[in-house]
Amino acid sequence: MSVVIVGGHDRMVRQYMDICKKYNCKSKVFTQLPGNFKGQIGQADLIILFTSTVSHIMANGAVQEAEKNKISIARSHSSSSSALKRILEEYCHTCYGGADGELGASIRYLSQKFSMVTPEAKATLNDIATEELGC
């Protein structure tokens, strides 16, 4: 997944990029308005606007490019690392994938449930499985 971050703090650029990498996302970060801004956005899958730290010109340019290229936009007033993580979790769903993801853990608990003898043990494993999925 390709992500473009518009806004944020200059001192956080490296952290933004590292967080995106952990979510298997390629990232471009624009904290200041560069020349040919619209052309540099490219074909992203998601544009993240940190609304409290972005100029109107950058925000409008990003929205226009998103509408033109049918790119999803996520807006956050906060430009913190936790705000970025929350957005990426919502859009990337990587926490569910892979052998060590929540989906894999949930399936393992559900599989074990059928080998349990007592109804209490089955119910416990069922509860744990649904908790893994955040249901």
N, C-alpha and C. Protein backbone atom coordinates (compact mmCIF):
# COMPACT_ATOMS: atom_id res chain seq x y z
N MET A 1 0.85 -1.18 0.00
CA MET A 1 0.00 0.00 0.00
C MET A 1 0.89 1.23 0.00
N SER A 2 0.49 2.23 -0.75
CA SER A 2 1.24 3.47 -0.87
C SER A 2 0.48 4.59 -0.14
N VAL A 3 1.18 5.30 0.74
CA VAL A 3 0.56 6.33 1.57
C VAL A 3 1.28 7.65 1.36
N VAL A 4 0.50 8.72 1.24
CA VAL A 4 1.06 10.07 1.20
C VAL A 4 0.55 10.81 2.44
N ILE A 5 1.48 11.32 3.23
CA ILE A 5 1.14 12.07 4.43
C ILE A 5 1.34 13.55 4.13
N VAL A 6 0.30 14.34 4.33
CA VAL A 6 0.35 15.77 4.06
C VAL A 6 0.13 16.50 5.38
N GLY A 7 1.13 17.27 5.78
CA GLY A 7 1.08 17.98 7.05
C GLY A 7 1.96 17.26 8.06
N GLY A 8 1.79 17.60 9.30
CA GLY A 8 2.62 17.01 10.33
C GLY A 8 3.80 17.91 10.66
N HIS A 9 4.67 17.40 11.49
CA HIS A 9 5.82 18.18 11.97
C HIS A 9 7.10 17.69 11.29
N ASP A 10 7.98 18.64 10.97
CA ASP A 10 9.25 18.29 10.31
C ASP A 10 10.05 17.28 11.12
N ARG A 11 10.04 17.44 12.42
CA ARG A 11 10.84 16.56 13.28
C ARG A 11 10.28 15.14 13.37
N MET A 12 9.05 14.93 12.87
CA MET A 12 8.40 13.63 12.94
C MET A 12 8.49 12.83 11.63
N VAL A 13 9.09 13.40 10.60
CA VAL A 13 9.10 12.75 9.28
C VAL A 13 9.66 11.34 9.36
N ARG A 14 10.79 11.17 10.02
CA ARG A 14 11.40 9.85 10.11
C ARG A 14 10.48 8.89 10.85
N GLN A 15 9.84 9.34 11.93
CA GLN A 15 8.92 8.49 12.68
C GLN A 15 7.72 8.09 11.82
N TYR A 16 7.17 9.05 11.07
CA TYR A 16 6.05 8.74 10.18
C TYR A 16 6.44 7.64 9.19
N MET A 17 7.61 7.78 8.61
CA MET A 17 8.06 6.80 7.62
C MET A 17 8.31 5.43 8.26
N ASP A 18 8.88 5.42 9.45
CA ASP A 18 9.12 4.15 10.15
C ASP A 18 7.81 3.45 10.51
N ILE A 19 6.83 4.21 10.95
CA ILE A 19 5.52 3.64 11.28
C ILE A 19 4.88 3.04 10.03
N CYS A 20 4.93 3.77 8.94
CA CYS A 20 4.36 3.25 7.69
C CYS A 20 5.06 1.96 7.26
N LYS A 21 6.35 1.92 7.45
CA LYS A 21 7.11 0.71 7.08
C LYS A 21 6.66 -0.49 7.90
N LYS A 22 6.36 -0.28 9.18
CA LYS A 22 5.88 -1.37 10.04
C LYS A 22 4.54 -1.91 9.58
N TYR A 23 3.76 -1.08 8.89
CA TYR A 23 2.48 -1.51 8.35
C TYR A 23 2.58 -1.93 6.88
N ASN A 24 3.81 -2.17 6.44
CA ASN A 24 4.09 -2.57 5.05
C ASN A 24 3.56 -1.56 4.05
N CYS A 25 3.71 -0.29 4.36
CA CYS A 25 3.26 0.77 3.47
C CYS A 25 4.46 1.58 2.99
N LYS A 26 4.47 1.89 1.71
CA LYS A 26 5.44 2.84 1.18
C LYS A 26 4.89 4.22 1.48
N SER A 27 5.77 5.16 1.81
CA SER A 27 5.26 6.46 2.22
C SER A 27 6.04 7.61 1.61
N LYS A 28 5.31 8.69 1.39
CA LYS A 28 5.87 10.00 1.06
C LYS A 28 5.31 10.95 2.11
N VAL A 29 6.16 11.82 2.63
CA VAL A 29 5.71 12.76 3.66
C VAL A 29 6.00 14.18 3.19
N PHE A 30 4.98 15.03 3.21
CA PHE A 30 5.11 16.43 2.84
C PHE A 30 4.68 17.29 4.02
N THR A 31 5.65 17.84 4.74
CA THR A 31 5.33 18.74 5.84
C THR A 31 5.37 20.20 5.39
N GLN A 32 6.00 20.45 4.26
CA GLN A 32 6.10 21.78 3.68
C GLN A 32 5.68 21.69 2.22
N LEU A 33 5.24 22.77 1.65
CA LEU A 33 4.77 22.78 0.27
C LEU A 33 5.95 22.77 -0.70
N PRO A 34 6.16 21.68 -1.42
CA PRO A 34 7.24 21.64 -2.41
C PRO A 34 6.74 22.17 -3.76
N GLY A 35 7.66 22.43 -4.66
CA GLY A 35 7.27 22.78 -6.02
C GLY A 35 6.63 21.56 -6.67
N ASN A 36 5.65 21.78 -7.52
CA ASN A 36 4.93 20.70 -8.21
C ASN A 36 4.37 19.69 -7.22
N PHE A 37 3.75 20.17 -6.17
CA PHE A 37 3.21 19.31 -5.12
C PHE A 37 2.25 18.26 -5.66
N LYS A 38 1.29 18.70 -6.48
CA LYS A 38 0.30 17.75 -7.01
C LYS A 38 0.96 16.65 -7.82
N GLY A 39 1.98 16.98 -8.58
CA GLY A 39 2.68 15.99 -9.38
C GLY A 39 3.47 14.99 -8.55
N GLN A 40 3.89 15.41 -7.37
CA GLN A 40 4.68 14.54 -6.51
C GLN A 40 3.83 13.54 -5.71
N ILE A 41 2.54 13.79 -5.62
CA ILE A 41 1.67 12.87 -4.88
C ILE A 41 1.65 11.51 -5.56
N GLY A 42 1.56 11.50 -6.87
CA GLY A 42 1.60 10.24 -7.61
C GLY A 42 0.34 9.42 -7.43
N GLN A 43 0.47 8.12 -7.63
CA GLN A 43 -0.67 7.19 -7.56
C GLN A 43 -0.69 6.49 -6.20
N ALA A 44 -1.05 7.22 -5.18
CA ALA A 44 -1.11 6.66 -3.83
C ALA A 44 -2.42 5.91 -3.62
N ASP A 45 -2.44 5.03 -2.63
CA ASP A 45 -3.67 4.34 -2.24
C ASP A 45 -4.43 5.13 -1.18
N LEU A 46 -3.69 5.93 -0.42
CA LEU A 46 -4.29 6.68 0.69
C LEU A 46 -3.53 7.98 0.89
N ILE A 47 -4.27 9.06 1.08
CA ILE A 47 -3.68 10.35 1.47
C ILE A 47 -4.14 10.64 2.89
N ILE A 48 -3.18 10.90 3.76
CA ILE A 48 -3.48 11.24 5.15
C ILE A 48 -3.23 12.73 5.34
N LEU A 49 -4.27 13.45 5.75
CA LEU A 49 -4.15 14.88 6.01
C LEU A 49 -4.13 15.13 7.51
N PHE A 50 -3.03 15.70 7.98
CA PHE A 50 -2.96 16.14 9.37
C PHE A 50 -3.43 17.59 9.37
N THR A 51 -4.70 17.79 9.63
CA THR A 51 -5.36 19.07 9.38
C THR A 51 -4.88 20.22 10.26
N SER A 52 -4.35 19.93 11.43
CA SER A 52 -3.93 21.03 12.30
C SER A 52 -2.57 21.60 11.92
N THR A 53 -1.83 20.88 11.08
CA THR A 53 -0.47 21.33 10.75
C THR A 53 -0.23 21.42 9.25
N VAL A 54 -1.30 21.64 8.48
CA VAL A 54 -1.15 21.72 7.03
C VAL A 54 -1.72 23.04 6.54
N SER A 55 -1.08 23.62 5.54
CA SER A 55 -1.60 24.87 4.97
C SER A 55 -2.83 24.58 4.13
N HIS A 56 -3.64 25.60 3.93
CA HIS A 56 -4.85 25.43 3.11
C HIS A 56 -4.48 25.07 1.67
N ILE A 57 -3.41 25.63 1.17
CA ILE A 57 -2.98 25.34 -0.20
C ILE A 57 -2.62 23.86 -0.35
N MET A 58 -1.87 23.33 0.62
CA MET A 58 -1.50 21.91 0.57
C MET A 58 -2.74 21.02 0.72
N ALA A 59 -3.60 21.35 1.66
CA ALA A 59 -4.79 20.54 1.90
C ALA A 59 -5.68 20.53 0.66
N ASN A 60 -5.92 21.70 0.08
CA ASN A 60 -6.75 21.77 -1.12
C ASN A 60 -6.12 21.02 -2.29
N GLY A 61 -4.82 21.14 -2.45
CA GLY A 61 -4.12 20.42 -3.52
C GLY A 61 -4.22 18.92 -3.35
N ALA A 62 -4.07 18.45 -2.11
CA ALA A 62 -4.16 17.01 -1.84
C ALA A 62 -5.57 16.50 -2.10
N VAL A 63 -6.57 17.26 -1.68
CA VAL A 63 -7.96 16.85 -1.89
C VAL A 63 -8.28 16.82 -3.38
N GLN A 64 -7.81 17.81 -4.13
CA GLN A 64 -8.06 17.82 -5.58
C GLN A 64 -7.43 16.61 -6.26
N GLU A 65 -6.20 16.28 -5.89
CA GLU A 65 -5.53 15.11 -6.48
C GLU A 65 -6.25 13.81 -6.08
N ALA A 66 -6.71 13.75 -4.85
CA ALA A 66 -7.43 12.57 -4.39
C ALA A 66 -8.72 12.38 -5.18
N GLU A 67 -9.45 13.47 -5.38
CA GLU A 67 -10.70 13.37 -6.14
C GLU A 67 -10.43 13.02 -7.60
N LYS A 68 -9.41 13.61 -8.16
CA LYS A 68 -9.07 13.37 -9.57
C LYS A 68 -8.65 11.92 -9.82
N ASN A 69 -7.87 11.35 -8.88
CA ASN A 69 -7.33 10.00 -9.04
C ASN A 69 -8.07 8.95 -8.23
N LYS A 70 -9.19 9.33 -7.61
CA LYS A 70 -9.99 8.41 -6.79
C LYS A 70 -9.15 7.75 -5.69
N ILE A 71 -8.47 8.59 -4.92
CA ILE A 71 -7.63 8.15 -3.81
C ILE A 71 -8.39 8.40 -2.51
N SER A 72 -8.36 7.45 -1.60
CA SER A 72 -9.00 7.61 -0.29
C SER A 72 -8.26 8.68 0.51
N ILE A 73 -9.02 9.43 1.30
CA ILE A 73 -8.44 10.45 2.18
C ILE A 73 -8.82 10.15 3.62
N ALA A 74 -7.83 10.22 4.50
CA ALA A 74 -8.08 10.11 5.94
C ALA A 74 -7.63 11.43 6.55
N ARG A 75 -8.48 12.00 7.38
CA ARG A 75 -8.16 13.27 8.04
C ARG A 75 -8.00 13.05 9.53
N SER A 76 -7.01 13.73 10.08
CA SER A 76 -6.81 13.68 11.53
C SER A 76 -6.37 15.06 12.00
N HIS A 77 -7.02 15.54 13.05
CA HIS A 77 -6.60 16.82 13.62
C HIS A 77 -5.24 16.68 14.28
N SER A 78 -5.01 15.54 14.89
CA SER A 78 -3.74 15.28 15.56
C SER A 78 -2.72 14.75 14.56
N SER A 79 -1.48 15.17 14.71
CA SER A 79 -0.41 14.66 13.85
C SER A 79 0.55 13.78 14.64
N SER A 80 0.07 13.18 15.70
CA SER A 80 0.90 12.32 16.54
C SER A 80 1.13 10.97 15.89
N SER A 81 2.11 10.25 16.41
CA SER A 81 2.39 8.91 15.88
C SER A 81 1.22 7.97 16.16
N SER A 82 0.55 8.13 17.29
CA SER A 82 -0.60 7.26 17.58
C SER A 82 -1.76 7.55 16.64
N ALA A 83 -1.93 8.78 16.22
CA ALA A 83 -2.98 9.11 15.24
C ALA A 83 -2.68 8.43 13.91
N LEU A 84 -1.42 8.46 13.50
CA LEU A 84 -1.03 7.79 12.26
C LEU A 84 -1.24 6.28 12.36
N LYS A 85 -0.86 5.69 13.48
CA LYS A 85 -1.06 4.25 13.67
C LYS A 85 -2.54 3.88 13.59
N ARG A 86 -3.38 4.69 14.21
CA ARG A 86 -4.82 4.43 14.19
C ARG A 86 -5.36 4.45 12.76
N ILE A 87 -4.93 5.41 11.98
CA ILE A 87 -5.37 5.51 10.59
C ILE A 87 -4.88 4.31 9.78
N LEU A 88 -3.63 3.96 9.96
CA LEU A 88 -3.07 2.84 9.20
C LEU A 88 -3.73 1.51 9.59
N GLU A 89 -4.05 1.34 10.86
CA GLU A 89 -4.74 0.13 11.28
C GLU A 89 -6.11 0.04 10.63
N GLU A 90 -6.76 1.18 10.52
CA GLU A 90 -8.09 1.20 9.90
C GLU A 90 -8.03 0.88 8.41
N TYR A 91 -7.03 1.40 7.73
CA TYR A 91 -6.96 1.26 6.29
C TYR A 91 -6.14 0.06 5.81
N CYS A 92 -5.15 -0.35 6.58
CA CYS A 92 -4.27 -1.43 6.12
C CYS A 92 -4.70 -2.81 6.59
N HIS A 93 -5.30 -2.89 7.73
CA HIS A 93 -5.76 -4.17 8.29
C HIS A 93 -4.63 -5.19 8.46
N THR A 94 -3.39 -4.73 8.63
CA THR A 94 -2.29 -5.68 8.76
C THR A 94 -2.34 -6.43 10.08
N CYS A 95 -3.02 -5.89 11.07
CA CYS A 95 -3.07 -6.58 12.36
C CYS A 95 -3.82 -7.91 12.22
N TYR A 96 -4.69 -8.02 11.21
CA TYR A 96 -5.43 -9.26 11.02
C TYR A 96 -4.64 -10.29 10.22
N GLY A 97 -3.73 -9.85 9.40
CA GLY A 97 -3.06 -10.75 8.46
C GLY A 97 -1.86 -11.46 9.04
N GLY A 98 -1.38 -12.44 8.29
CA GLY A 98 -0.18 -13.16 8.65
C GLY A 98 -0.42 -14.22 9.70
N ALA A 99 0.58 -15.08 9.85
CA ALA A 99 0.47 -16.19 10.80
C ALA A 99 0.36 -15.72 12.24
N ASP A 100 0.96 -14.58 12.55
CA ASP A 100 0.94 -14.07 13.92
C ASP A 100 -0.10 -12.98 14.14
N GLY A 101 -0.96 -12.76 13.15
CA GLY A 101 -1.97 -11.73 13.26
C GLY A 101 -3.15 -12.17 14.11
N GLU A 102 -4.05 -11.24 14.35
CA GLU A 102 -5.21 -11.53 15.18
C GLU A 102 -6.14 -12.55 14.53
N LEU A 103 -6.26 -12.50 13.23
CA LEU A 103 -7.12 -13.47 12.55
C LEU A 103 -6.57 -14.89 12.72
N GLY A 104 -5.26 -15.04 12.55
CA GLY A 104 -4.65 -16.36 12.73
C GLY A 104 -4.83 -16.89 14.14
N ALA A 105 -4.64 -16.01 15.13
CA ALA A 105 -4.81 -16.42 16.53
C ALA A 105 -6.26 -16.82 16.79
N SER A 106 -7.18 -16.05 16.27
CA SER A 106 -8.60 -16.36 16.46
C SER A 106 -8.96 -17.72 15.88
N ILE A 107 -8.46 -18.00 14.69
CA ILE A 107 -8.74 -19.30 14.06
C ILE A 107 -8.15 -20.44 14.87
N ARG A 108 -6.95 -20.25 15.41
CA ARG A 108 -6.34 -21.30 16.25
C ARG A 108 -7.19 -21.57 17.49
N TYR A 109 -7.67 -20.50 18.15
CA TYR A 109 -8.52 -20.69 19.33
C TYR A 109 -9.82 -21.40 18.97
N LEU A 110 -10.40 -21.02 17.85
CA LEU A 110 -11.65 -21.68 17.44
C LEU A 110 -11.42 -23.15 17.11
N SER A 111 -10.29 -23.47 16.50
CA SER A 111 -9.97 -24.87 16.19
C SER A 111 -9.79 -25.69 17.46
N GLN A 112 -9.11 -25.10 18.45
CA GLN A 112 -8.88 -25.81 19.71
C GLN A 112 -10.18 -26.03 20.47
N LYS A 113 -11.12 -25.14 20.27
CA LYS A 113 -12.40 -25.22 20.97
C LYS A 113 -13.07 -26.58 20.74
N PHE A 114 -12.96 -27.11 19.54
CA PHE A 114 -13.66 -28.35 19.21
C PHE A 114 -13.02 -29.59 19.84
N SER A 115 -11.81 -29.47 20.34
CA SER A 115 -11.18 -30.60 21.00
C SER A 115 -11.38 -30.58 22.52
N MET A 116 -12.03 -29.55 23.03
CA MET A 116 -12.27 -29.44 24.47
C MET A 116 -13.43 -30.34 24.89
N VAL A 117 -13.33 -30.87 26.11
CA VAL A 117 -14.34 -31.80 26.61
C VAL A 117 -15.48 -31.07 27.31
N THR A 118 -15.15 -30.10 28.14
CA THR A 118 -16.18 -29.44 28.95
C THR A 118 -16.76 -28.23 28.21
N PRO A 119 -18.02 -27.95 28.44
CA PRO A 119 -18.64 -26.77 27.82
C PRO A 119 -17.98 -25.46 28.25
N GLU A 120 -17.48 -25.43 29.51
CA GLU A 120 -16.83 -24.22 30.00
C GLU A 120 -15.55 -23.93 29.21
N ALA A 121 -14.78 -24.97 28.94
CA ALA A 121 -13.53 -24.79 28.18
C ALA A 121 -13.84 -24.33 26.76
N LYS A 122 -14.88 -24.91 26.15
CA LYS A 122 -15.29 -24.49 24.80
C LYS A 122 -15.71 -23.03 24.80
N ALA A 123 -16.49 -22.64 25.83
CA ALA A 123 -16.96 -21.26 25.92
C ALA A 123 -15.80 -20.29 26.12
N THR A 124 -14.82 -20.68 26.93
CA THR A 124 -13.66 -19.84 27.19
C THR A 124 -12.87 -19.60 25.91
N LEU A 125 -12.60 -20.67 25.16
CA LEU A 125 -11.86 -20.52 23.91
C LEU A 125 -12.65 -19.71 22.88
N ASN A 126 -13.95 -19.88 22.87
CA ASN A 126 -14.79 -19.09 21.97
C ASN A 126 -14.72 -17.60 22.33
N ASP A 127 -14.74 -17.29 23.63
CA ASP A 127 -14.64 -15.91 24.09
C ASP A 127 -13.28 -15.30 23.72
N ILE A 128 -12.23 -16.07 23.89
CA ILE A 128 -10.89 -15.58 23.55
C ILE A 128 -10.79 -15.32 22.04
N ALA A 129 -11.35 -16.23 21.24
CA ALA A 129 -11.30 -16.08 19.78
C ALA A 129 -12.02 -14.81 19.33
N THR A 130 -13.18 -14.56 19.89
CA THR A 130 -13.92 -13.36 19.49
C THR A 130 -13.24 -12.08 20.00
N GLU A 131 -12.58 -12.19 21.15
CA GLU A 131 -11.84 -11.04 21.68
C GLU A 131 -10.67 -10.69 20.77
N GLU A 132 -10.00 -11.69 20.20
CA GLU A 132 -8.89 -11.46 19.28
C GLU A 132 -9.33 -10.63 18.09
N LEU A 133 -10.56 -10.83 17.66
CA LEU A 133 -11.06 -10.09 16.51
C LEU A 133 -11.66 -8.75 16.89
N GLY A 134 -11.73 -8.49 18.17
CA GLY A 134 -12.29 -7.22 18.63
C GLY A 134 -13.80 -7.15 18.49
N CYS A 135 -14.46 -8.30 18.50
CA CYS A 135 -15.93 -8.34 18.34
C CYS A 135 -16.62 -8.01 19.63
